[in-house]
C-alpha atoms as a PDB file:
ATOM      1  CA  MET A   1     -54.891 147.191  76.265  1.00  0.00           C
ATOM      2  CA  LYS A   2     -55.545 149.852  79.112  1.00  0.00           C
ATOM      3  CA  ILE A   3     -53.520 149.676  82.193  1.00  0.00           C
ATOM      4  CA  ASP A   4     -55.336 151.593  85.023  1.00  0.00           C
ATOM      5  CA  LYS A   5     -52.162 153.041  86.885  1.00  0.00           C
ATOM      6  CA  LEU A   6     -51.862 153.251  90.663  1.00  0.00           C
ATOM      7  CA  GLU A   7     -50.593 156.072  92.528  1.00  0.00           C
ATOM      8  CA  GLN A   8     -46.644 155.421  92.976  1.00  0.00           C
ATOM      9  CA  GLU A   9     -47.466 155.686  96.846  1.00  0.00           C
ATOM     10  CA  ASN A  10     -49.951 152.994  96.695  1.00  0.00           C
ATOM     11  CA  ARG A  11     -47.920 150.657  94.440  1.00  0.00           C
ATOM     12  CA  LEU A  12     -45.878 147.532  95.829  1.00  0.00           C
ATOM     13  CA  HIS A  13     -42.529 148.798  97.430  1.00  0.00           C
ATOM     14  CA  LYS A  14     -43.477 152.183  95.764  1.00  0.00           C
ATOM     15  CA  ALA A  15     -42.275 151.334  92.388  1.00  0.00           C
ATOM     16  CA  PRO A  16     -42.110 154.277  89.947  1.00  0.00           C
ATOM     17  CA  MET A  17     -43.559 152.312  87.067  1.00  0.00           C
ATOM     18  CA  PRO A  18     -46.453 150.253  86.618  1.00  0.00           C
ATOM     19  CA  ILE A  19     -46.165 146.547  87.740  1.00  0.00           C
ATOM     20  CA  ILE A  20     -47.788 143.737  85.875  1.00  0.00           C
ATOM     21  CA  ALA A  21     -48.006 140.906  88.031  1.00  0.00           C
ATOM     22  CA  LEU A  22     -47.650 137.185  86.452  1.00  0.00           C
ATOM     23  CA  THR A  23     -49.192 134.454  88.504  1.00  0.00           C
ATOM     24  CA  GLY A  24     -50.703 131.148  88.283  1.00  0.00           C
ATOM     25  CA  GLY A  25     -51.002 128.022  90.264  1.00  0.00           C
ATOM     26  CA  VAL A  26     -48.807 124.791  90.632  1.00  0.00           C
ATOM     27  CA  ALA A  27     -48.072 123.227  87.346  1.00  0.00           C
ATOM     28  CA  THR A  28     -50.133 125.817  85.194  1.00  0.00           C
ATOM     29  CA  GLY A  29     -46.811 126.892  83.280  1.00  0.00           C
ATOM     30  CA  LYS A  30     -46.103 130.443  84.954  1.00  0.00           C
ATOM     31  CA  SER A  31     -42.354 129.699  84.922  1.00  0.00           C
ATOM     32  CA  THR A  32     -42.593 129.003  81.310  1.00  0.00           C
ATOM     33  CA  VAL A  33     -44.314 131.958  80.459  1.00  0.00           C
ATOM     34  CA  SER A  34     -41.750 134.074  82.599  1.00  0.00           C
ATOM     35  CA  ASP A  35     -38.847 132.743  80.746  1.00  0.00           C
ATOM     36  CA  TYR A  36     -40.412 133.211  77.497  1.00  0.00           C
ATOM     37  CA  LEU A  37     -41.210 136.745  78.363  1.00  0.00           C
ATOM     38  CA  LYS A  38     -37.612 137.301  79.583  1.00  0.00           C
ATOM     39  CA  ASN A  39     -36.170 135.828  76.073  1.00  0.00           C
ATOM     40  CA  ARG A  40     -38.565 138.236  74.560  1.00  0.00           C
ATOM     41  CA  GLY A  41     -36.665 141.296  76.194  1.00  0.00           C
ATOM     42  CA  GLU A  42     -39.242 141.908  78.786  1.00  0.00           C
ATOM     43  CA  ASN A  43     -38.135 143.402  82.261  1.00  0.00           C
ATOM     44  CA  ILE A  44     -38.927 140.678  84.859  1.00  0.00           C
ATOM     45  CA  ILE A  45     -38.364 140.518  88.441  1.00  0.00           C
ATOM     46  CA  CYS A  46     -38.931 136.957  89.828  1.00  0.00           C
ATOM     47  CA  ALA A  47     -39.842 136.928  93.442  1.00  0.00           C
ATOM     48  CA  ASP A  48     -38.422 133.502  94.090  1.00  0.00           C
ATOM     49  CA  LYS A  49     -35.148 134.847  92.934  1.00  0.00           C
ATOM     50  CA  LEU A  50     -35.376 137.860  95.074  1.00  0.00           C
ATOM     51  CA  VAL A  51     -35.855 135.465  98.023  1.00  0.00           C
ATOM     52  CA  HIS A  52     -32.891 133.567  96.918  1.00  0.00           C
ATOM     53  CA  GLN A  53     -30.406 136.534  96.896  1.00  0.00           C
ATOM     54  CA  ILE A  54     -31.867 137.711 100.383  1.00  0.00           C
ATOM     55  CA  TYR A  55     -30.690 134.119 101.563  1.00  0.00           C
ATOM     56  CA  GLU A  56     -27.362 134.782 100.089  1.00  0.00           C
ATOM     57  CA  LYS A  57     -26.570 137.795 102.041  1.00  0.00           C
ATOM     58  CA  LYS A  58     -24.416 137.633 105.328  1.00  0.00           C
ATOM     59  CA  GLU A  59     -27.123 138.915 107.439  1.00  0.00           C
ATOM     60  CA  ALA A  60     -29.367 136.149 106.356  1.00  0.00           C
ATOM     61  CA  TYR A  61     -26.858 133.316 107.190  1.00  0.00           C
ATOM     62  CA  GLU A  62     -26.193 134.864 110.549  1.00  0.00           C
ATOM     63  CA  PHE A  63     -30.061 135.210 111.284  1.00  0.00           C
ATOM     64  CA  ILE A  64     -30.533 131.596 110.361  1.00  0.00           C
ATOM     65  CA  SER A  65     -27.420 130.537 112.143  1.00  0.00           C
ATOM     66  CA  ASN A  66     -28.705 131.782 115.411  1.00  0.00           C
ATOM     67  CA  LEU A  67     -32.318 130.899 114.966  1.00  0.00           C
ATOM     68  CA  ALA A  68     -31.720 127.131 113.681  1.00  0.00           C
ATOM     69  CA  PRO A  69     -27.941 126.194 113.850  1.00  0.00           C
ATOM     70  CA  GLU A  70     -28.795 122.622 112.920  1.00  0.00           C
ATOM     71  CA  THR A  71     -29.697 123.935 109.521  1.00  0.00           C
ATOM     72  CA  VAL A  72     -26.137 125.277 108.679  1.00  0.00           C
ATOM     73  CA  ILE A  73     -23.103 123.097 108.098  1.00  0.00           C
ATOM     74  CA  ASN A  74     -19.544 124.398 107.000  1.00  0.00           C
ATOM     75  CA  ASN A  75     -20.907 128.016 106.860  1.00  0.00           C
ATOM     76  CA  LYS A  76     -23.681 127.040 104.526  1.00  0.00           C
ATOM     77  CA  ILE A  77     -27.295 127.188 105.038  1.00  0.00           C
ATOM     78  CA  ILE A  78     -28.719 123.651 104.021  1.00  0.00           C
ATOM     79  CA  PHE A  79     -31.866 124.374 102.267  1.00  0.00           C
ATOM     80  CA  PRO A  80     -33.592 120.938 102.335  1.00  0.00           C
ATOM     81  CA  LYS A  81     -33.025 120.893 106.138  1.00  0.00           C
ATOM     82  CA  LEU A  82     -34.357 124.488 106.672  1.00  0.00           C
ATOM     83  CA  ARG A  83     -37.456 123.588 104.636  1.00  0.00           C
ATOM     84  CA  GLU A  84     -37.926 120.727 106.931  1.00  0.00           C
ATOM     85  CA  VAL A  85     -37.712 122.774 110.186  1.00  0.00           C
ATOM     86  CA  PHE A  86     -39.651 125.740 108.487  1.00  0.00           C
ATOM     87  CA  PHE A  87     -42.660 123.849 107.911  1.00  0.00           C
ATOM     88  CA  SER A  88     -42.591 121.979 111.441  1.00  0.00           C
ATOM     89  CA  ASN A  89     -42.092 124.986 113.566  1.00  0.00           C
ATOM     90  CA  LYS A  90     -44.650 127.750 113.322  1.00  0.00           C
ATOM     91  CA  ASP A  91     -42.832 130.219 115.391  1.00  0.00           C
ATOM     92  CA  LEU A  92     -39.575 129.839 113.577  1.00  0.00           C
ATOM     93  CA  GLN A  93     -41.734 129.933 110.168  1.00  0.00           C
ATOM     94  CA  THR A  94     -43.024 133.299 111.168  1.00  0.00           C
ATOM     95  CA  LYS A  95     -39.682 134.619 112.304  1.00  0.00           C
ATOM     96  CA  ILE A  96     -37.891 133.681 109.003  1.00  0.00           C
ATOM     97  CA  GLU A  97     -40.612 134.963 106.604  1.00  0.00           C
ATOM     98  CA  ASN A  98     -40.745 138.425 108.737  1.00  0.00           C
ATOM     99  CA  PHE A  99     -37.063 138.577 107.879  1.00  0.00           C
ATOM    100  CA  ILE A 100     -37.232 137.862 104.136  1.00  0.00           C
ATOM    101  CA  TYR A 101     -40.198 140.315 103.764  1.00  0.00           C
ATOM    102  CA  SER A 102     -38.327 142.923 105.648  1.00  0.00           C
ATOM    103  CA  HIS A 103     -35.499 142.787 102.950  1.00  0.00           C
ATOM    104  CA  LEU A 104     -37.858 142.450  99.889  1.00  0.00           C
ATOM    105  CA  PRO A 105     -38.433 145.965  99.382  1.00  0.00           C
ATOM    106  CA  HIS A 106     -34.698 146.728  99.025  1.00  0.00           C
ATOM    107  CA  GLN A 107     -33.860 143.720  97.077  1.00  0.00           C
ATOM    108  CA  PHE A 108     -36.998 144.583  94.515  1.00  0.00           C
ATOM    109  CA  THR A 109     -35.836 148.173  94.190  1.00  0.00           C
ATOM    110  CA  GLU A 110     -32.039 147.189  93.522  1.00  0.00           C
ATOM    111  CA  SER A 111     -33.650 145.079  90.783  1.00  0.00           C
ATOM    112  CA  TYR A 112     -35.749 147.335  88.894  1.00  0.00           C
ATOM    113  CA  LYS A 113     -32.776 149.768  89.181  1.00  0.00           C
ATOM    114  CA  LYS A 114     -31.026 147.690  86.718  1.00  0.00           C
ATOM    115  CA  PHE A 115     -33.613 148.417  83.772  1.00  0.00           C
ATOM    116  CA  HIS A 116     -33.518 151.487  81.554  1.00  0.00           C
ATOM    117  CA  ASN A 117     -36.509 153.793  82.217  1.00  0.00           C
ATOM    118  CA  PRO A 118     -39.033 150.749  81.482  1.00  0.00           C
ATOM    119  CA  GLN A 119     -42.679 151.718  80.579  1.00  0.00           C
ATOM    120  CA  TYR A 120     -43.639 148.830  83.131  1.00  0.00           C
ATOM    121  CA  ILE A 121     -42.078 145.775  84.540  1.00  0.00           C
ATOM    122  CA  PHE A 122     -43.328 142.236  85.101  1.00  0.00           C
ATOM    123  CA  TYR A 123     -43.254 140.721  88.581  1.00  0.00           C
ATOM    124  CA  ASP A 124     -43.189 136.909  88.670  1.00  0.00           C
ATOM    125  CA  VAL A 125     -45.257 136.319  91.888  1.00  0.00           C
ATOM    126  CA  PRO A 126     -46.658 132.782  92.839  1.00  0.00           C
ATOM    127  CA  LEU A 127     -48.468 133.874  95.944  1.00  0.00           C
ATOM    128  CA  LEU A 128     -49.729 137.327  94.597  1.00  0.00           C
ATOM    129  CA  PHE A 129     -53.427 136.464  95.921  1.00  0.00           C
ATOM    130  CA  GLU A 130     -52.172 134.328  98.933  1.00  0.00           C
ATOM    131  CA  LYS A 131     -49.777 137.270 100.411  1.00  0.00           C
ATOM    132  CA  LYS A 132     -52.705 139.715  99.355  1.00  0.00           C
ATOM    133  CA  LEU A 133     -50.513 141.648  96.788  1.00  0.00           C
ATOM    134  CA  ASP A 134     -52.644 141.982  94.160  1.00  0.00           C
ATOM    135  CA  GLN A 135     -54.151 145.522  95.386  1.00  0.00           C
ATOM    136  CA  LEU A 136     -50.765 146.827  95.107  1.00  0.00           C
ATOM    137  CA  VAL A 137     -49.989 145.911  91.465  1.00  0.00           C
ATOM    138  CA  ASP A 138     -51.341 147.670  88.307  1.00  0.00           C
ATOM    139  CA  TYR A 139     -52.282 144.559  86.272  1.00  0.00           C
ATOM    140  CA  ILE A 140     -52.707 141.029  87.050  1.00  0.00           C
ATOM    141  CA  VAL A 141     -51.941 138.187  84.282  1.00  0.00           C
ATOM    142  CA  VAL A 142     -52.784 134.845  85.299  1.00  0.00           C
ATOM    143  CA  VAL A 143     -51.446 131.802  83.292  1.00  0.00           C
ATOM    144  CA  TYR A 144     -54.198 129.412  83.374  1.00  0.00           C
ATOM    145  CA  SER A 145     -54.644 125.544  82.978  1.00  0.00           C
ATOM    146  CA  THR A 146     -57.611 123.541  84.192  1.00  0.00           C
ATOM    147  CA  PRO A 147     -57.435 121.836  87.464  1.00  0.00           C
ATOM    148  CA  GLU A 148     -57.345 118.460  85.586  1.00  0.00           C
ATOM    149  CA  LYS A 149     -54.539 119.429  83.454  1.00  0.00           C
ATOM    150  CA  GLN A 150     -52.614 120.585  86.556  1.00  0.00           C
ATOM    151  CA  VAL A 151     -53.370 117.297  88.042  1.00  0.00           C
ATOM    152  CA  GLN A 152     -52.091 115.406  84.972  1.00  0.00           C
ATOM    153  CA  ARG A 153     -48.970 117.360  84.647  1.00  0.00           C
ATOM    154  CA  LEU A 154     -48.098 117.141  88.280  1.00  0.00           C
ATOM    155  CA  ILE A 155     -48.423 113.376  88.059  1.00  0.00           C
ATOM    156  CA  ILE A 156     -45.949 113.330  85.201  1.00  0.00           C
ATOM    157  CA  ARG A 157     -43.504 115.932  86.346  1.00  0.00           C
ATOM    158  CA  ASP A 158     -43.045 114.887  89.884  1.00  0.00           C
ATOM    159  CA  SER A 159     -43.951 111.323  89.425  1.00  0.00           C
ATOM    160  CA  ILE A 160     -46.445 111.194  92.122  1.00  0.00           C
ATOM    161  CA  SER A 161     -50.230 109.778  92.652  1.00  0.00           C
ATOM    162  CA  GLU A 162     -53.225 111.269  91.602  1.00  0.00           C
ATOM    163  CA  ASP A 163     -54.275 111.703  95.337  1.00  0.00           C
ATOM    164  CA  LEU A 164     -50.899 113.602  96.186  1.00  0.00           C
ATOM    165  CA  ALA A 165     -51.312 115.887  93.194  1.00  0.00           C
ATOM    166  CA  LYS A 166     -54.739 116.857  94.164  1.00  0.00           C
ATOM    167  CA  ASN A 167     -53.885 117.319  97.592  1.00  0.00           C
ATOM    168  CA  MET A 168     -51.333 119.760  96.661  1.00  0.00           C
ATOM    169  CA  LEU A 169     -53.766 121.970  94.618  1.00  0.00           C
ATOM    170  CA  ALA A 170     -56.020 121.793  97.603  1.00  0.00           C
ATOM    171  CA  LYS A 171     -53.475 123.688  99.641  1.00  0.00           C
ATOM    172  CA  GLN A 172     -53.489 126.602  97.274  1.00  0.00           C
ATOM    173  CA  ILE A 173     -56.310 129.110  96.320  1.00  0.00           C
ATOM    174  CA  PRO A 174     -58.156 127.375  93.202  1.00  0.00           C
ATOM    175  CA  ILE A 175     -56.674 128.383  89.680  1.00  0.00           C
ATOM    176  CA  ASP A 176     -60.275 129.221  88.804  1.00  0.00           C
ATOM    177  CA  GLU A 177     -60.806 131.696  91.574  1.00  0.00           C
ATOM    178  CA  LYS A 178     -57.493 133.296  90.454  1.00  0.00           C
ATOM    179  CA  LYS A 179     -58.918 133.629  87.022  1.00  0.00           C
ATOM    180  CA  GLN A 180     -61.760 135.306  87.866  1.00  0.00           C
ATOM    181  CA  LYS A 181     -59.454 138.179  89.799  1.00  0.00           C
ATOM    182  CA  ALA A 182     -57.250 138.486  86.647  1.00  0.00           C
ATOM    183  CA  ASN A 183     -57.116 141.528  84.156  1.00  0.00           C
ATOM    184  CA  TYR A 184     -55.716 139.210  81.571  1.00  0.00           C
ATOM    185  CA  ILE A 185     -55.895 135.289  81.194  1.00  0.00           C
ATOM    186  CA  ILE A 186     -52.920 133.386  79.139  1.00  0.00           C
ATOM    187  CA  GLU A 187     -54.432 129.867  78.465  1.00  0.00           C
ATOM    188  CA  ASN A 188     -52.021 126.859  78.709  1.00  0.00           C
ATOM    189  CA  ASN A 189     -54.085 123.836  78.235  1.00  0.00           C
ATOM    190  CA  LEU A 190     -52.525 122.465  74.980  1.00  0.00           C
ATOM    191  CA  ASP A 191     -48.954 122.407  73.850  1.00  0.00           C
ATOM    192  CA  LEU A 192     -46.040 124.887  73.847  1.00  0.00           C
ATOM    193  CA  GLU A 193     -46.609 126.224  70.456  1.00  0.00           C
ATOM    194  CA  HIS A 194     -50.238 126.960  71.287  1.00  0.00           C
ATOM    195  CA  LEU A 195     -48.967 128.807  74.591  1.00  0.00           C
ATOM    196  CA  TYR A 196     -46.079 130.942  72.612  1.00  0.00           C
ATOM    197  CA  ARG A 197     -48.899 132.226  70.347  1.00  0.00           C
ATOM    198  CA  ASN A 198     -51.138 133.182  73.376  1.00  0.00           C
ATOM    199  CA  ILE A 199     -47.956 135.096  75.007  1.00  0.00           C
ATOM    200  CA  ASP A 200     -47.258 136.833  71.527  1.00  0.00           C
ATOM    201  CA  HIS A 201     -50.976 137.867  71.354  1.00  0.00           C
ATOM    202  CA  PHE A 202     -50.572 139.400  74.745  1.00  0.00           C
ATOM    203  CA  LEU A 203     -47.485 141.130  74.137  1.00  0.00           C
ATOM    204  CA  GLU A 204     -48.978 142.579  70.919  1.00  0.00           C
ATOM    205  CA  GLU A 205     -51.873 144.033  73.038  1.00  0.00           C
ATOM    206  CA  ILE A 206     -49.813 145.380  75.822  1.00  0.00           C
ATOM    207  CA  LYS A 207     -47.783 147.442  73.410  1.00  0.00           C
ATOM    208  CA  LEU A 208     -50.856 149.140  71.719  1.00  0.00           C
END
């Protein structure tokens, strides 16, 4: 498998090693793939975990407390309340996103420094295309399930109606559009055994 390496200056957060982005859509199984890769000893940075780490910092608490004091109780951010306010106030949403994104480069760098001279790293990032980060990574892997399979899994996983599941999908870039932009596709339309075989095949190719 050939990875066309970016110049370091053009790479996300100027990382010194190639970044393989792992992305997908809701209920395609991206988190399952990410966990499997980690268990196989791969170096993975998870965008959601980076955000969580930022929220744990003192400056984040102070920022949120000043911006939306109703979301803080007993010196703790109450995340269900924060999500409620976040999605109902566009101005506040923009301010919080800007705060988080301003801290992401440092948090990302601190994460990959823990690895020992890796040839590449995986970046588990759900909103790769939505946030237009796809031009800043060296290689893109999309975990793919058909939209029909996504709907089926959402109904079972979240105990929701078919209409709600379809509405959730409608708010994302369609998985078939993401598939077209991928360098590699890990298909996840059958069972876990089939998925794990597909991941193993991918790992064999990437180590060639």
